[in-house]
């Protein structure tokens, strides 16, 4: 491909990336936490899964059949990386169009999130994981991957079992658009399991019974999606509300009708039930 064609694809990719990052309407955060609450419970190496509200998030949710469309790694305060107001950057993620970037915790103040924590990770391996991610800051994103993602905005009756493989189709590495592949690569460097392929092997020894053992095989990091950290039996789910000592007896419950916005939902639901009952 000529340099002129490459430049055209690059410019077009930037325009499309801007559109893909446009936020959709009707997004409601049900379990959002502010930066202060998160900072009290997060540890370097924790993975934050995000329910995105951008157009690209809808594609990723479809392909991965999951609520979680994005992931970022908490690495602690990064020297020399701050917002204009002084808030330190402590998250690293791969963004469509921008590549590998750092962000402050407040970036996801108004998003539904989930925290996944590796269990039993050694201090040395934790440092290796965070060091690897920090070393990738500034890594550019291949704009040709944008065109691969666009095709999923058109109606496509793709069976759920094929969608995971569909993520890996096309030029370059489209999975970097969902950022989880770089985090998976970081953990695979220290041989920490996410969702490995496990095979059982039986070995017979003379005069003794068969000995069984499990052999773990690493899946290629490009096939990992954000939901895999949630599904993994090796990552604990950390909920800030519970970490701070949740006591349901101390909750203050309101009396009377719900807020106007909630009442509209209740009324619409009751009306739909009545219509369905009448038709039945």
Foldseek 3Di string as FASTA:
>chain_A
DDPVVLVVLLVVLLVLLVQQQDFDPDDAAPAFAAQVLCVVPDDFFKKKFWQGRGNLSVLQCVLQVDSTQAMWTFHDFDPPAADPVRAGWGIWFQARQQGIATDGRRVRRGTHMWIWAFPPQDPVLSVQLSVQSVVCHRPGDRSQLSVLSVVSVDDDPDDNVCSLVSCQDDPDQNLSNRGQLSSLVSNVVVPRDQPWDKDKDWDDDPPDGIDIDIDTDDDRSSSDHPCSSVVGPRIDIDRSCVVVPDDPVPDDDDDDDDPPVVVVVVVVVVVVVVVVVVVD
